[in-house]
PDB file of N, CA and C in Angstrom:
ATOM      1  N   VAL A   1      45.062  35.373 -49.697  1.00  0.00           N
ATOM      2  CA  VAL A   1      44.798  36.444 -48.871  1.00  0.00           C
ATOM      3  C   VAL A   1      43.753  36.974 -49.499  1.00  0.00           C
ATOM      4  N   GLN A   2      42.583  36.937 -49.521  1.00  0.00           N
ATOM      5  CA  GLN A   2      41.728  37.784 -50.297  1.00  0.00           C
ATOM      6  C   GLN A   2      40.389  37.947 -49.707  1.00  0.00           C
ATOM      7  N   LEU A   3      40.163  39.038 -49.195  1.00  0.00           N
ATOM      8  CA  LEU A   3      38.926  39.971 -49.029  1.00  0.00           C
ATOM      9  C   LEU A   3      38.375  40.651 -50.571  1.00  0.00           C
ATOM     10  N   VAL A   4      36.743  40.026 -50.761  1.00  0.00           N
ATOM     11  CA  VAL A   4      36.883  40.219 -51.862  1.00  0.00           C
ATOM     12  C   VAL A   4      34.529  40.964 -51.819  1.00  0.00           C
ATOM     13  N   GLU A   5      34.550  42.716 -52.044  1.00  0.00           N
ATOM     14  CA  GLU A   5      33.549  43.117 -51.506  1.00  0.00           C
ATOM     15  C   GLU A   5      32.478  43.360 -52.759  1.00  0.00           C
ATOM     16  N   SER A   6      31.154  43.278 -52.203  1.00  0.00           N
ATOM     17  CA  SER A   6      30.419  43.437 -53.801  1.00  0.00           C
ATOM     18  C   SER A   6      28.871  44.128 -52.725  1.00  0.00           C
ATOM     19  N   GLY A   7      28.234  44.091 -54.232  1.00  0.00           N
ATOM     20  CA  GLY A   7      27.017  44.784 -53.079  1.00  0.00           C
ATOM     21  C   GLY A   7      26.965  46.322 -53.278  1.00  0.00           C
ATOM     22  N   GLY A   8      28.107  47.028 -53.781  1.00  0.00           N
ATOM     23  CA  GLY A   8      27.388  48.555 -53.443  1.00  0.00           C
ATOM     24  C   GLY A   8      26.692  49.052 -54.927  1.00  0.00           C
ATOM     25  N   GLY A   9      26.644  50.088 -54.884  1.00  0.00           N
ATOM     26  CA  GLY A   9      26.239  51.112 -55.628  1.00  0.00           C
ATOM     27  C   GLY A   9      25.327  52.270 -55.406  1.00  0.00           C
ATOM     28  N   LEU A  10      25.048  52.627 -56.125  1.00  0.00           N
ATOM     29  CA  LEU A  10      23.575  54.290 -56.359  1.00  0.00           C
ATOM     30  C   LEU A  10      22.027  53.392 -55.792  1.00  0.00           C
ATOM     31  N   VAL A  11      21.705  54.226 -54.568  1.00  0.00           N
ATOM     32  CA  VAL A  11      20.319  54.371 -54.356  1.00  0.00           C
ATOM     33  C   VAL A  11      20.005  55.474 -54.040  1.00  0.00           C
ATOM     34  N   GLN A  12      18.858  55.270 -53.800  1.00  0.00           N
ATOM     35  CA  GLN A  12      17.963  56.700 -53.280  1.00  0.00           C
ATOM     36  C   GLN A  12      17.545  56.558 -51.628  1.00  0.00           C
ATOM     37  N   PRO A  13      17.622  57.881 -50.929  1.00  0.00           N
ATOM     38  CA  PRO A  13      17.825  58.345 -49.457  1.00  0.00           C
ATOM     39  C   PRO A  13      16.384  56.884 -49.458  1.00  0.00           C
ATOM     40  N   GLY A  14      17.092  56.510 -48.112  1.00  0.00           N
ATOM     41  CA  GLY A  14      15.074  55.490 -47.964  1.00  0.00           C
ATOM     42  C   GLY A  14      15.589  54.126 -48.130  1.00  0.00           C
ATOM     43  N   GLY A  15      16.501  53.904 -49.198  1.00  0.00           N
ATOM     44  CA  GLY A  15      16.619  53.119 -49.571  1.00  0.00           C
ATOM     45  C   GLY A  15      17.127  51.533 -48.927  1.00  0.00           C
ATOM     46  N   SER A  16      17.809  50.292 -49.185  1.00  0.00           N
ATOM     47  CA  SER A  16      18.546  49.021 -48.598  1.00  0.00           C
ATOM     48  C   SER A  16      19.976  49.323 -50.065  1.00  0.00           C
ATOM     49  N   LEU A  17      20.395  48.342 -49.448  1.00  0.00           N
ATOM     50  CA  LEU A  17      21.771  47.549 -50.333  1.00  0.00           C
ATOM     51  C   LEU A  17      22.642  46.366 -49.294  1.00  0.00           C
ATOM     52  N   ARG A  18      23.134  45.964 -49.691  1.00  0.00           N
ATOM     53  CA  ARG A  18      23.301  44.551 -48.855  1.00  0.00           C
ATOM     54  C   ARG A  18      24.684  44.517 -49.173  1.00  0.00           C
ATOM     55  N   LEU A  19      25.749  44.778 -48.690  1.00  0.00           N
ATOM     56  CA  LEU A  19      27.271  44.396 -48.898  1.00  0.00           C
ATOM     57  C   LEU A  19      27.400  43.056 -48.621  1.00  0.00           C
ATOM     58  N   SER A  20      28.549  42.585 -49.616  1.00  0.00           N
ATOM     59  CA  SER A  20      28.866  40.984 -48.518  1.00  0.00           C
ATOM     60  C   SER A  20      30.633  41.349 -49.148  1.00  0.00           C
ATOM     61  N   CYS A  21      30.873  39.855 -48.761  1.00  0.00           N
ATOM     62  CA  CYS A  21      32.391  40.586 -48.548  1.00  0.00           C
ATOM     63  C   CYS A  21      33.339  38.643 -48.314  1.00  0.00           C
ATOM     64  N   ALA A  22      33.090  38.158 -49.232  1.00  0.00           N
ATOM     65  CA  ALA A  22      33.876  36.477 -49.780  1.00  0.00           C
ATOM     66  C   ALA A  22      35.531  37.127 -49.079  1.00  0.00           C
ATOM     67  N   ALA A  23      35.463  35.808 -48.196  1.00  0.00           N
ATOM     68  CA  ALA A  23      37.142  35.652 -47.236  1.00  0.00           C
ATOM     69  C   ALA A  23      37.856  34.256 -48.451  1.00  0.00           C
ATOM     70  N   SER A  24      38.893  34.891 -48.692  1.00  0.00           N
ATOM     71  CA  SER A  24      39.766  33.288 -48.547  1.00  0.00           C
ATOM     72  C   SER A  24      41.321  33.791 -48.260  1.00  0.00           C
ATOM     73  N   GLY A  25      41.363  31.926 -47.734  1.00  0.00           N
ATOM     74  CA  GLY A  25      43.060  32.213 -47.946  1.00  0.00           C
ATOM     75  C   GLY A  25      43.530  32.024 -46.025  1.00  0.00           C
ATOM     76  N   PHE A  26      42.888  31.980 -45.183  1.00  0.00           N
ATOM     77  CA  PHE A  26      42.763  32.166 -44.090  1.00  0.00           C
ATOM     78  C   PHE A  26      41.615  32.045 -42.925  1.00  0.00           C
ATOM     79  N   THR A  27      41.673  31.695 -42.223  1.00  0.00           N
ATOM     80  CA  THR A  27      41.227  30.407 -41.375  1.00  0.00           C
ATOM     81  C   THR A  27      39.471  32.017 -40.850  1.00  0.00           C
ATOM     82  N   PHE A  28      38.925  31.742 -41.711  1.00  0.00           N
ATOM     83  CA  PHE A  28      37.510  32.322 -41.304  1.00  0.00           C
ATOM     84  C   PHE A  28      37.100  32.808 -39.333  1.00  0.00           C
ATOM     85  N   GLY A  29      37.059  31.855 -38.943  1.00  0.00           N
ATOM     86  CA  GLY A  29      36.705  31.328 -37.380  1.00  0.00           C
ATOM     87  C   GLY A  29      37.742  32.088 -36.983  1.00  0.00           C
ATOM     88  N   SER A  30      38.727  32.768 -37.224  1.00  0.00           N
ATOM     89  CA  SER A  30      39.636  32.829 -36.243  1.00  0.00           C
ATOM     90  C   SER A  30      40.383  34.314 -36.301  1.00  0.00           C
ATOM     91  N   TYR A  31      38.947  35.145 -37.088  1.00  0.00           N
ATOM     92  CA  TYR A  31      39.229  36.730 -37.170  1.00  0.00           C
ATOM     93  C   TYR A  31      37.612  37.400 -36.699  1.00  0.00           C
ATOM     94  N   ALA A  32      37.448  38.672 -36.123  1.00  0.00           N
ATOM     95  CA  ALA A  32      36.538  39.536 -36.209  1.00  0.00           C
ATOM     96  C   ALA A  32      36.560  39.879 -37.246  1.00  0.00           C
ATOM     97  N   MET A  33      35.717  40.448 -38.619  1.00  0.00           N
ATOM     98  CA  MET A  33      35.069  40.647 -39.379  1.00  0.00           C
ATOM     99  C   MET A  33      34.773  42.311 -39.017  1.00  0.00           C
ATOM    100  N   LYS A  34      34.890  42.590 -39.544  1.00  0.00           N
ATOM    101  CA  LYS A  34      34.524  44.071 -39.968  1.00  0.00           C
ATOM    102  C   LYS A  34      33.723  44.701 -40.709  1.00  0.00           C
ATOM    103  N   TRP A  35      32.990  46.048 -41.168  1.00  0.00           N
ATOM    104  CA  TRP A  35      33.143  46.910 -42.210  1.00  0.00           C
ATOM    105  C   TRP A  35      33.312  48.426 -41.538  1.00  0.00           C
ATOM    106  N   TYR A  36      34.985  48.546 -42.737  1.00  0.00           N
ATOM    107  CA  TYR A  36      34.760  50.710 -41.956  1.00  0.00           C
ATOM    108  C   TYR A  36      33.814  51.254 -43.596  1.00  0.00           C
ATOM    109  N   ARG A  37      34.486  52.458 -42.937  1.00  0.00           N
ATOM    110  CA  ARG A  37      34.117  53.043 -44.496  1.00  0.00           C
ATOM    111  C   ARG A  37      35.005  54.465 -44.447  1.00  0.00           C
ATOM    112  N   GLN A  38      34.733  54.935 -45.783  1.00  0.00           N
ATOM    113  CA  GLN A  38      35.200  56.650 -45.931  1.00  0.00           C
ATOM    114  C   GLN A  38      34.415  57.454 -46.956  1.00  0.00           C
ATOM    115  N   ALA A  39      34.265  57.904 -46.652  1.00  0.00           N
ATOM    116  CA  ALA A  39      34.361  58.914 -47.344  1.00  0.00           C
ATOM    117  C   ALA A  39      34.378  60.312 -47.334  1.00  0.00           C
ATOM    118  N   PRO A  40      34.781  60.862 -48.674  1.00  0.00           N
ATOM    119  CA  PRO A  40      35.358  61.829 -49.331  1.00  0.00           C
ATOM    120  C   PRO A  40      36.216  63.284 -48.099  1.00  0.00           C
ATOM    121  N   GLY A  41      37.270  63.125 -48.281  1.00  0.00           N
ATOM    122  CA  GLY A  41      37.910  64.205 -47.146  1.00  0.00           C
ATOM    123  C   GLY A  41      37.829  63.696 -45.390  1.00  0.00           C
ATOM    124  N   LYS A  42      37.113  62.256 -45.070  1.00  0.00           N
ATOM    125  CA  LYS A  42      36.421  62.197 -44.062  1.00  0.00           C
ATOM    126  C   LYS A  42      37.895  61.035 -43.370  1.00  0.00           C
ATOM    127  N   GLU A  43      37.795  60.588 -42.387  1.00  0.00           N
ATOM    128  CA  GLU A  43      38.860  59.050 -42.175  1.00  0.00           C
ATOM    129  C   GLU A  43      38.249  58.632 -42.060  1.00  0.00           C
ATOM    130  N   ARG A  44      38.433  57.204 -42.151  1.00  0.00           N
ATOM    131  CA  ARG A  44      38.707  55.911 -42.120  1.00  0.00           C
ATOM    132  C   ARG A  44      37.370  55.790 -40.561  1.00  0.00           C
ATOM    133  N   GLU A  45      36.370  55.006 -41.064  1.00  0.00           N
ATOM    134  CA  GLU A  45      34.899  54.991 -40.010  1.00  0.00           C
ATOM    135  C   GLU A  45      35.023  53.869 -39.690  1.00  0.00           C
ATOM    136  N   LEU A  46      35.320  53.116 -37.983  1.00  0.00           N
ATOM    137  CA  LEU A  46      34.206  51.796 -38.303  1.00  0.00           C
ATOM    138  C   LEU A  46      32.766  51.740 -38.111  1.00  0.00           C
ATOM    139  N   VAL A  47      32.230  51.014 -38.711  1.00  0.00           N
ATOM    140  CA  VAL A  47      30.938  51.145 -38.910  1.00  0.00           C
ATOM    141  C   VAL A  47      30.084  49.374 -38.210  1.00  0.00           C
ATOM    142  N   ALA A  48      30.466  48.370 -38.028  1.00  0.00           N
ATOM    143  CA  ALA A  48      29.877  47.897 -37.896  1.00  0.00           C
ATOM    144  C   ALA A  48      31.216  46.859 -37.185  1.00  0.00           C
ATOM    145  N   VAL A  49      30.984  45.485 -36.215  1.00  0.00           N
ATOM    146  CA  VAL A  49      31.812  44.399 -35.848  1.00  0.00           C
ATOM    147  C   VAL A  49      31.434  43.144 -35.692  1.00  0.00           C
ATOM    148  N   ILE A  50      31.598  42.015 -36.047  1.00  0.00           N
ATOM    149  CA  ILE A  50      31.178  40.673 -35.705  1.00  0.00           C
ATOM    150  C   ILE A  50      32.113  39.959 -34.919  1.00  0.00           C
ATOM    151  N   ILE A  51      31.765  39.530 -33.997  1.00  0.00           N
ATOM    152  CA  ILE A  51      33.067  38.474 -33.465  1.00  0.00           C
ATOM    153  C   ILE A  51      32.158  37.575 -32.584  1.00  0.00           C
ATOM    154  N   GLY A  52      33.968  36.525 -32.385  1.00  0.00           N
ATOM    155  CA  GLY A  52      33.710  35.229 -31.400  1.00  0.00           C
ATOM    156  C   GLY A  52      32.580  34.024 -32.281  1.00  0.00           C
ATOM    157  N   ALA A  53      32.139  33.615 -31.425  1.00  0.00           N
ATOM    158  CA  ALA A  53      31.992  31.969 -32.224  1.00  0.00           C
ATOM    159  C   ALA A  53      30.974  32.882 -32.236  1.00  0.00           C
ATOM    160  N   GLY A  54      29.737  33.192 -31.333  1.00  0.00           N
ATOM    161  CA  GLY A  54      28.376  33.571 -31.214  1.00  0.00           C
ATOM    162  C   GLY A  54      27.358  35.054 -32.004  1.00  0.00           C
ATOM    163  N   GLY A  55      29.260  35.214 -32.660  1.00  0.00           N
ATOM    164  CA  GLY A  55      28.298  36.283 -33.198  1.00  0.00           C
ATOM    165  C   GLY A  55      27.789  37.626 -32.675  1.00  0.00           C
ATOM    166  N   SER A  56      28.523  38.063 -31.351  1.00  0.00           N
ATOM    167  CA  SER A  56      28.531  39.049 -31.480  1.00  0.00           C
ATOM    168  C   SER A  56      28.671  40.629 -31.579  1.00  0.00           C
ATOM    169  N   THR A  57      27.572  41.072 -32.009  1.00  0.00           N
ATOM    170  CA  THR A  57      27.652  42.785 -33.071  1.00  0.00           C
ATOM    171  C   THR A  57      28.439  44.071 -32.313  1.00  0.00           C
ATOM    172  N   ASN A  58      28.199  44.848 -32.675  1.00  0.00           N
ATOM    173  CA  ASN A  58      28.600  46.613 -32.225  1.00  0.00           C
ATOM    174  C   ASN A  58      28.327  46.913 -33.549  1.00  0.00           C
ATOM    175  N   TYR A  59      27.842  48.673 -33.245  1.00  0.00           N
ATOM    176  CA  TYR A  59      27.610  49.468 -34.204  1.00  0.00           C
ATOM    177  C   TYR A  59      28.085  50.783 -34.093  1.00  0.00           C
ATOM    178  N   ALA A  60      28.222  51.559 -35.071  1.00  0.00           N
ATOM    179  CA  ALA A  60      28.643  52.619 -34.944  1.00  0.00           C
ATOM    180  C   ALA A  60      27.208  53.506 -34.685  1.00  0.00           C
ATOM    181  N   ASP A  61      27.018  54.454 -33.471  1.00  0.00           N
ATOM    182  CA  ASP A  61      26.079  55.212 -33.290  1.00  0.00           C
ATOM    183  C   ASP A  61      25.142  55.799 -34.895  1.00  0.00           C
ATOM    184  N   SER A  62      26.099  56.186 -35.509  1.00  0.00           N
ATOM    185  CA  SER A  62      24.829  56.482 -36.647  1.00  0.00           C
ATOM    186  C   SER A  62      24.641  55.507 -37.732  1.00  0.00           C
ATOM    187  N   VAL A  63      24.440  54.514 -37.216  1.00  0.00           N
ATOM    188  CA  VAL A  63      24.181  53.296 -38.216  1.00  0.00           C
ATOM    189  C   VAL A  63      23.056  52.244 -37.714  1.00  0.00           C
ATOM    190  N   LYS A  64      23.453  52.452 -35.949  1.00  0.00           N
ATOM    191  CA  LYS A  64      22.329  51.531 -35.545  1.00  0.00           C
ATOM    192  C   LYS A  64      21.047  51.830 -35.713  1.00  0.00           C
ATOM    193  N   GLY A  65      20.611  50.385 -35.442  1.00  0.00           N
ATOM    194  CA  GLY A  65      18.781  50.136 -36.062  1.00  0.00           C
ATOM    195  C   GLY A  65      18.482  50.110 -37.374  1.00  0.00           C
ATOM    196  N   ARG A  66      19.636  51.052 -37.656  1.00  0.00           N
ATOM    197  CA  ARG A  66      19.861  50.942 -39.628  1.00  0.00           C
ATOM    198  C   ARG A  66      20.164  49.456 -40.164  1.00  0.00           C
ATOM    199  N   PHE A  67      21.941  49.603 -39.863  1.00  0.00           N
ATOM    200  CA  PHE A  67      22.235  48.567 -40.598  1.00  0.00           C
ATOM    201  C   PHE A  67      22.655  46.999 -39.835  1.00  0.00           C
ATOM    202  N   THR A  68      22.860  45.958 -40.662  1.00  0.00           N
ATOM    203  CA  THR A  68      23.230  44.862 -39.380  1.00  0.00           C
ATOM    204  C   THR A  68      24.409  43.978 -40.468  1.00  0.00           C
ATOM    205  N   ILE A  69      25.169  43.413 -39.459  1.00  0.00           N
ATOM    206  CA  ILE A  69      26.338  42.733 -39.945  1.00  0.00           C
ATOM    207  C   ILE A  69      25.870  41.086 -39.478  1.00  0.00           C
ATOM    208  N   SER A  70      25.945  40.200 -40.232  1.00  0.00           N
ATOM    209  CA  SER A  70      26.088  39.062 -40.226  1.00  0.00           C
ATOM    210  C   SER A  70      27.368  38.395 -41.219  1.00  0.00           C
ATOM    211  N   ARG A  71      27.012  37.433 -40.597  1.00  0.00           N
ATOM    212  CA  ARG A  71      28.412  36.130 -41.508  1.00  0.00           C
ATOM    213  C   ARG A  71      27.134  34.841 -41.723  1.00  0.00           C
ATOM    214  N   ASP A  72      28.273  34.533 -42.646  1.00  0.00           N
ATOM    215  CA  ASP A  72      28.151  32.233 -43.076  1.00  0.00           C
ATOM    216  C   ASP A  72      29.481  32.154 -43.357  1.00  0.00           C
ATOM    217  N   ARG A  73      29.658  30.502 -41.732  1.00  0.00           N
ATOM    218  CA  ARG A  73      30.629  30.294 -41.721  1.00  0.00           C
ATOM    219  C   ARG A  73      31.117  29.589 -43.185  1.00  0.00           C
ATOM    220  N   ALA A  74      30.256  28.803 -42.769  1.00  0.00           N
ATOM    221  CA  ALA A  74      30.505  27.965 -44.238  1.00  0.00           C
ATOM    222  C   ALA A  74      30.518  28.817 -45.333  1.00  0.00           C
ATOM    223  N   LYS A  75      30.016  30.113 -45.655  1.00  0.00           N
ATOM    224  CA  LYS A  75      30.734  30.447 -46.679  1.00  0.00           C
ATOM    225  C   LYS A  75      32.069  31.523 -47.074  1.00  0.00           C
ATOM    226  N   SER A  76      32.171  31.438 -45.954  1.00  0.00           N
ATOM    227  CA  SER A  76      33.839  32.355 -45.055  1.00  0.00           C
ATOM    228  C   SER A  76      33.099  33.631 -45.261  1.00  0.00           C
ATOM    229  N   THR A  77      32.169  34.512 -45.577  1.00  0.00           N
ATOM    230  CA  THR A  77      31.304  36.001 -45.992  1.00  0.00           C
ATOM    231  C   THR A  77      30.672  36.162 -45.047  1.00  0.00           C
ATOM    232  N   VAL A  78      30.775  38.042 -45.357  1.00  0.00           N
ATOM    233  CA  VAL A  78      30.438  38.045 -43.980  1.00  0.00           C
ATOM    234  C   VAL A  78      29.773  40.019 -44.903  1.00  0.00           C
ATOM    235  N   TYR A  79      28.344  39.678 -43.654  1.00  0.00           N
ATOM    236  CA  TYR A  79      26.991  40.434 -45.391  1.00  0.00           C
ATOM    237  C   TYR A  79      26.749  42.154 -44.098  1.00  0.00           C
ATOM    238  N   LEU A  80      27.427  42.819 -44.742  1.00  0.00           N
ATOM    239  CA  LEU A  80      26.391  44.239 -43.814  1.00  0.00           C
ATOM    240  C   LEU A  80      25.184  44.780 -44.445  1.00  0.00           C
ATOM    241  N   GLN A  81      23.790  44.264 -44.272  1.00  0.00           N
ATOM    242  CA  GLN A  81      22.654  45.054 -44.515  1.00  0.00           C
ATOM    243  C   GLN A  81      22.373  46.443 -44.190  1.00  0.00           C
ATOM    244  N   MET A  82      22.325  47.156 -45.180  1.00  0.00           N
ATOM    245  CA  MET A  82      22.075  48.690 -44.915  1.00  0.00           C
ATOM    246  C   MET A  82      20.673  49.346 -45.507  1.00  0.00           C
ATOM    247  N   ASN A  83      20.242  49.415 -44.269  1.00  0.00           N
ATOM    248  CA  ASN A  83      18.114  50.047 -43.909  1.00  0.00           C
ATOM    249  C   ASN A  83      18.099  51.038 -43.825  1.00  0.00           C
ATOM    250  N   SER A  84      17.304  51.953 -44.934  1.00  0.00           N
ATOM    251  CA  SER A  84      16.956  53.136 -44.201  1.00  0.00           C
ATOM    252  C   SER A  84      18.425  54.199 -44.301  1.00  0.00           C
ATOM    253  N   LEU A  85      18.841  54.096 -45.584  1.00  0.00           N
ATOM    254  CA  LEU A  85      20.147  54.626 -45.745  1.00  0.00           C
ATOM    255  C   LEU A  85      19.956  56.722 -46.513  1.00  0.00           C
ATOM    256  N   LYS A  86      20.831  57.655 -45.955  1.00  0.00           N
ATOM    257  CA  LYS A  86      20.805  58.090 -45.888  1.00  0.00           C
ATOM    258  C   LYS A  86      21.913  59.003 -46.736  1.00  0.00           C
ATOM    259  N   PRO A  87      21.783  60.078 -46.892  1.00  0.00           N
ATOM    260  CA  PRO A  87      23.249  60.768 -47.819  1.00  0.00           C
ATOM    261  C   PRO A  87      25.224  60.933 -47.472  1.00  0.00           C
ATOM    262  N   GLU A  88      24.438  60.837 -46.023  1.00  0.00           N
ATOM    263  CA  GLU A  88      25.511  60.871 -45.325  1.00  0.00           C
ATOM    264  C   GLU A  88      26.153  59.374 -44.778  1.00  0.00           C
ATOM    265  N   ASP A  89      25.133  58.222 -45.558  1.00  0.00           N
ATOM    266  CA  ASP A  89      25.983  57.322 -45.359  1.00  0.00           C
ATOM    267  C   ASP A  89      26.656  56.974 -47.074  1.00  0.00           C
ATOM    268  N   THR A  90      26.390  57.711 -47.490  1.00  0.00           N
ATOM    269  CA  THR A  90      28.265  57.532 -48.997  1.00  0.00           C
ATOM    270  C   THR A  90      29.218  57.677 -48.502  1.00  0.00           C
ATOM    271  N   ALA A  91      30.128  56.444 -48.914  1.00  0.00           N
ATOM    272  CA  ALA A  91      31.397  56.565 -49.036  1.00  0.00           C
ATOM    273  C   ALA A  91      31.499  55.426 -49.766  1.00  0.00           C
ATOM    274  N   VAL A  92      32.963  55.136 -49.371  1.00  0.00           N
ATOM    275  CA  VAL A  92      33.473  53.791 -49.924  1.00  0.00           C
ATOM    276  C   VAL A  92      33.796  52.534 -48.722  1.00  0.00           C
ATOM    277  N   TYR A  93      32.729  51.603 -48.834  1.00  0.00           N
ATOM    278  CA  TYR A  93      32.457  50.654 -47.666  1.00  0.00           C
ATOM    279  C   TYR A  93      33.897  49.495 -47.884  1.00  0.00           C
ATOM    280  N   TYR A  94      35.142  49.372 -46.454  1.00  0.00           N
ATOM    281  CA  TYR A  94      35.768  48.532 -46.791  1.00  0.00           C
ATOM    282  C   TYR A  94      35.532  47.307 -46.149  1.00  0.00           C
ATOM    283  N   CYS A  95      35.740  45.927 -46.069  1.00  0.00           N
ATOM    284  CA  CYS A  95      35.413  44.869 -45.660  1.00  0.00           C
ATOM    285  C   CYS A  95      36.962  44.738 -44.756  1.00  0.00           C
ATOM    286  N   ASN A  96      37.405  44.347 -43.628  1.00  0.00           N
ATOM    287  CA  ASN A  96      37.841  43.504 -42.537  1.00  0.00           C
ATOM    288  C   ASN A  96      38.184  42.967 -41.601  1.00  0.00           C
ATOM    289  N   ALA A  97      39.571  42.488 -41.977  1.00  0.00           N
ATOM    290  CA  ALA A  97      39.365  41.136 -41.501  1.00  0.00           C
ATOM    291  C   ALA A  97      40.629  40.888 -40.026  1.00  0.00           C
ATOM    292  N   HIS A  98      40.799  40.971 -38.980  1.00  0.00           N
ATOM    293  CA  HIS A  98      41.253  41.309 -37.443  1.00  0.00           C
ATOM    294  C   HIS A  98      41.542  39.720 -36.829  1.00  0.00           C
ATOM    295  N   GLY A  99      42.928  39.261 -36.688  1.00  0.00           N
ATOM    296  CA  GLY A  99      42.913  38.214 -36.290  1.00  0.00           C
ATOM    297  C   GLY A  99      42.953  38.625 -34.929  1.00  0.00           C
ATOM    298  N   TYR A 100      42.358  36.920 -34.005  1.00  0.00           N
ATOM    299  CA  TYR A 100      42.368  37.200 -32.836  1.00  0.00           C
ATOM    300  C   TYR A 100      43.158  36.979 -32.188  1.00  0.00           C
ATOM    301  N   TYR A 101      44.641  36.123 -32.745  1.00  0.00           N
ATOM    302  CA  TYR A 101      45.053  35.362 -32.147  1.00  0.00           C
ATOM    303  C   TYR A 101      46.829  36.506 -32.669  1.00  0.00           C
ATOM    304  N   TYR A 102      47.972  36.657 -31.608  1.00  0.00           N
ATOM    305  CA  TYR A 102      49.306  36.605 -32.208  1.00  0.00           C
ATOM    306  C   TYR A 102      49.939  36.528 -33.989  1.00  0.00           C
ATOM    307  N   PRO A 103      49.709  37.116 -34.506  1.00  0.00           N
ATOM    308  CA  PRO A 103      50.730  38.629 -34.487  1.00  0.00           C
ATOM    309  C   PRO A 103      49.482  39.872 -35.417  1.00  0.00           C
ATOM    310  N   TYR A 104      48.375  39.464 -34.915  1.00  0.00           N
ATOM    311  CA  TYR A 104      47.039  39.411 -35.333  1.00  0.00           C
ATOM    312  C   TYR A 104      46.542  40.034 -36.464  1.00  0.00           C
ATOM    313  N   ASP A 105      47.226  39.522 -37.266  1.00  0.00           N
ATOM    314  CA  ASP A 105      46.798  40.210 -38.470  1.00  0.00           C
ATOM    315  C   ASP A 105      46.328  40.754 -39.182  1.00  0.00           C
ATOM    316  N   ASP A 106      46.014  41.582 -40.110  1.00  0.00           N
ATOM    317  CA  ASP A 106      44.755  42.965 -40.544  1.00  0.00           C
ATOM    318  C   ASP A 106      44.680  42.532 -41.925  1.00  0.00           C
ATOM    319  N   TYR A 107      44.122  41.831 -42.227  1.00  0.00           N
ATOM    320  CA  TYR A 107      43.179  41.971 -44.035  1.00  0.00           C
ATOM    321  C   TYR A 107      42.218  43.483 -44.523  1.00  0.00           C
ATOM    322  N   TRP A 108      42.266  43.292 -45.659  1.00  0.00           N
ATOM    323  CA  TRP A 108      41.510  44.472 -46.440  1.00  0.00           C
ATOM    324  C   TRP A 108      41.001  44.296 -47.574  1.00  0.00           C
ATOM    325  N   GLY A 109      39.745  44.695 -47.310  1.00  0.00           N
ATOM    326  CA  GLY A 109      39.335  44.451 -49.087  1.00  0.00           C
ATOM    327  C   GLY A 109      39.540  45.493 -49.983  1.00  0.00           C
ATOM    328  N   GLN A 110      38.912  44.848 -51.177  1.00  0.00           N
ATOM    329  CA  GLN A 110      39.309  46.443 -52.421  1.00  0.00           C
ATOM    330  C   GLN A 110      38.391  47.798 -51.644  1.00  0.00           C
ATOM    331  N   GLY A 111      37.304  47.427 -51.201  1.00  0.00           N
ATOM    332  CA  GLY A 111      36.547  48.490 -51.058  1.00  0.00           C
ATOM    333  C   GLY A 111      35.510  48.350 -52.468  1.00  0.00           C
ATOM    334  N   THR A 112      33.886  48.978 -51.693  1.00  0.00           N
ATOM    335  CA  THR A 112      32.968  49.282 -52.490  1.00  0.00           C
ATOM    336  C   THR A 112      32.339  50.638 -52.413  1.00  0.00           C
ATOM    337  N   GLN A 113      31.605  50.704 -53.212  1.00  0.00           N
ATOM    338  CA  GLN A 113      31.624  52.127 -53.372  1.00  0.00           C
ATOM    339  C   GLN A 113      30.336  52.713 -52.511  1.00  0.00           C
ATOM    340  N   VAL A 114      29.349  53.432 -52.277  1.00  0.00           N
ATOM    341  CA  VAL A 114      27.833  53.227 -51.942  1.00  0.00           C
ATOM    342  C   VAL A 114      27.838  54.591 -51.974  1.00  0.00           C
ATOM    343  N   THR A 115      26.623  54.844 -52.673  1.00  0.00           N
ATOM    344  CA  THR A 115      26.368  56.217 -52.886  1.00  0.00           C
ATOM    345  C   THR A 115      24.257  56.825 -53.168  1.00  0.00           C
ATOM    346  N   VAL A 116      24.152  57.325 -52.106  1.00  0.00           N
ATOM    347  CA  VAL A 116      23.248  57.345 -51.530  1.00  0.00           C
ATOM    348  C   VAL A 116      22.744  58.942 -52.184  1.00  0.00           C
ATOM    349  N   SER A 117      21.916  59.254 -53.072  1.00  0.00           N
ATOM    350  CA  SER A 117      21.104  60.127 -53.574  1.00  0.00           C
ATOM    351  C   SER A 117      20.419  60.045 -54.337  1.00  0.00           C
ATOM    352  N   SER A 118      19.411  61.378 -54.497  1.00  0.00           N
ATOM    353  CA  SER A 118      18.090  61.638 -55.409  1.00  0.00           C
ATOM    354  C   SER A 118      18.347  62.087 -56.383  1.00  0.00           C
TER     355      SER A 118
END
């Protein structure tokens, strides 16, 4: 099982980044796909989730209207488009796959650093 994130980096406030998470080794369609982030000294927080055949989405209040989660089932890849970035968005962003069915497996990527600074 692998979740490989990419797309992080340094961006100025107001800028945009697109994170990607390429999944392999499990049935992509049987998992909710999520993005979490963890800033220094803070707990890991859920940023966005995409679930179900219809691709329902949900977001943390702090990113609503600025971030968009999407997926490409053919490529087993989930994306996080981040616009209007703020310094407080600085964190390591992690991709997570959470199984719909017992035993509700949980897989994590290695994380990608996003730094928003002028």
